[in-house]
Amino acid sequence: MKFDMGADTLTTLGGQTITSGDDLSGLVTRLVDSIQPLEGKFNGRGREAFQYFKEHADEIAVALRISLGQIQEGQSGMETAFASGDQEQEDNARQSQSAMNFDAAKF
């Protein structure tokens, strides 16, 4: 009998990470759209920062999505490692159990 407490935890977390990446990149796009009316109202360094953000918003959104994708890859690797370790532990327990002589035990 296999006991999988939280076996789906990393899978669920991975799915949420992907969804969060999509949400964040969408929010960056919405932010750019919502600040559009402010264009031309800044001067000096404020204007430069505004223009830089506006011009690089797509790159920022892509970078967020890539970063969260890499986090999801790490989560997937952890899930694989945990599953492998769980299987190895089960195999070792079965092997040890089959080598035991329960008939000889005195209780």
Protein backbone atom coordinates (compact mmCIF):
# COMPACT_ATOMS: atom_id res chain seq x y z
CA MET A 1 0.00 0.00 0.00
CA LYS A 2 1.45 3.33 -1.05
CA PHE A 3 0.90 6.39 1.15
CA ASP A 4 1.02 9.60 -0.94
CA MET A 5 0.49 12.47 1.45
CA GLY A 6 0.61 15.56 -0.77
CA ALA A 7 1.61 13.65 -3.90
CA ASP A 8 -0.16 16.19 -6.09
CA THR A 9 1.17 19.23 -4.23
CA LEU A 10 4.03 20.01 -6.63
CA THR A 11 1.85 19.35 -9.68
CA THR A 12 -0.74 21.78 -8.35
CA LEU A 13 1.93 24.32 -7.48
CA GLY A 14 3.44 24.02 -10.97
CA GLY A 15 0.08 24.72 -12.56
CA GLN A 16 -0.43 27.73 -10.33
CA THR A 17 3.04 29.02 -11.22
CA ILE A 18 2.24 28.90 -14.95
CA THR A 19 -1.07 30.67 -14.34
CA SER A 20 0.70 33.32 -12.24
CA GLY A 21 3.16 33.95 -15.07
CA ASP A 22 0.33 34.54 -17.50
CA ASP A 23 -1.43 36.77 -14.98
CA LEU A 24 1.69 38.86 -14.30
CA SER A 25 2.50 39.43 -17.95
CA GLY A 26 -1.13 40.41 -18.53
CA LEU A 27 -0.95 42.86 -15.65
CA VAL A 28 2.16 44.49 -17.11
CA THR A 29 0.31 44.98 -20.40
CA ARG A 30 -2.72 46.40 -18.59
CA LEU A 31 -0.47 48.73 -16.61
CA VAL A 32 1.05 50.12 -19.80
CA ASP A 33 -2.42 50.62 -21.27
CA SER A 34 -3.68 52.33 -18.11
CA ILE A 35 -0.77 54.79 -17.87
CA GLN A 36 -1.02 55.79 -21.53
CA PRO A 37 -3.02 58.95 -20.69
CA LEU A 38 -0.04 60.16 -18.62
CA GLU A 39 2.29 60.21 -21.60
CA GLY A 40 3.62 63.69 -22.19
CA LYS A 41 2.90 64.85 -18.63
CA PHE A 42 6.34 63.98 -17.30
CA ASN A 43 9.52 65.99 -17.68
CA GLY A 44 13.19 65.18 -17.21
CA ARG A 45 14.10 61.88 -15.61
CA GLY A 46 10.47 61.02 -14.96
CA ARG A 47 9.78 61.25 -18.67
CA GLU A 48 12.83 59.08 -19.44
CA ALA A 49 11.76 56.45 -16.91
CA PHE A 50 8.21 56.47 -18.28
CA GLN A 51 9.42 56.04 -21.85
CA TYR A 52 11.87 53.31 -20.85
CA PHE A 53 9.17 51.34 -19.05
CA LYS A 54 6.71 51.79 -21.90
CA GLU A 55 9.26 50.74 -24.52
CA HIS A 56 10.40 47.72 -22.54
CA ALA A 57 7.07 46.53 -21.14
CA ASP A 58 6.88 43.60 -23.55
CA GLU A 59 10.40 42.53 -22.58
CA ILE A 60 9.46 42.80 -18.90
CA ALA A 61 6.37 40.65 -19.46
CA VAL A 62 8.39 38.04 -21.36
CA ALA A 63 11.11 38.04 -18.67
CA LEU A 64 8.49 37.45 -15.97
CA ARG A 65 6.95 34.60 -17.95
CA ILE A 66 10.38 33.02 -18.61
CA SER A 67 11.41 33.34 -14.96
CA LEU A 68 8.26 31.71 -13.70
CA GLY A 69 8.62 29.02 -16.38
CA GLN A 70 12.07 28.24 -15.01
CA ILE A 71 10.64 28.06 -11.49
CA GLN A 72 8.02 25.63 -12.80
CA GLU A 73 10.77 23.50 -14.36
CA GLY A 74 12.45 23.34 -10.96
CA GLN A 75 9.17 22.32 -9.36
CA SER A 76 8.78 19.59 -11.96
CA GLY A 77 12.29 18.35 -11.19
CA MET A 78 11.49 18.27 -7.48
CA GLU A 79 8.33 16.30 -8.19
CA THR A 80 10.34 13.76 -10.19
CA ALA A 81 12.94 13.48 -7.42
CA PHE A 82 10.31 13.02 -4.72
CA ALA A 83 8.46 10.39 -6.74
CA SER A 84 11.71 8.55 -7.44
CA GLY A 85 12.71 8.68 -3.77
CA ASP A 86 9.28 7.48 -2.70
CA GLN A 87 9.47 4.53 -5.11
CA GLU A 88 13.01 3.68 -3.99
CA GLN A 89 11.95 3.74 -0.34
CA GLU A 90 9.03 1.42 -1.11
CA ASP A 91 11.28 -0.96 -3.06
CA ASN A 92 13.84 -1.05 -0.25
CA ALA A 93 11.15 -1.71 2.36
CA ARG A 94 9.72 -4.59 0.31
CA GLN A 95 13.17 -6.07 -0.23
CA SER A 96 13.98 -5.87 3.48
CA GLN A 97 10.61 -7.30 4.40
CA SER A 98 11.00 -10.27 2.06
CA ALA A 99 14.36 -11.10 3.64
CA MET A 100 12.86 -11.22 7.15
CA ASN A 101 11.91 -14.46 8.80
CA PHE A 102 8.76 -13.56 10.67
CA ASP A 103 8.14 -17.17 11.70
CA ALA A 104 11.33 -17.15 13.77
CA ALA A 105 10.36 -14.00 15.67
CA LYS A 106 9.49 -14.52 19.31
CA PHE A 107 6.97 -12.12 20.72
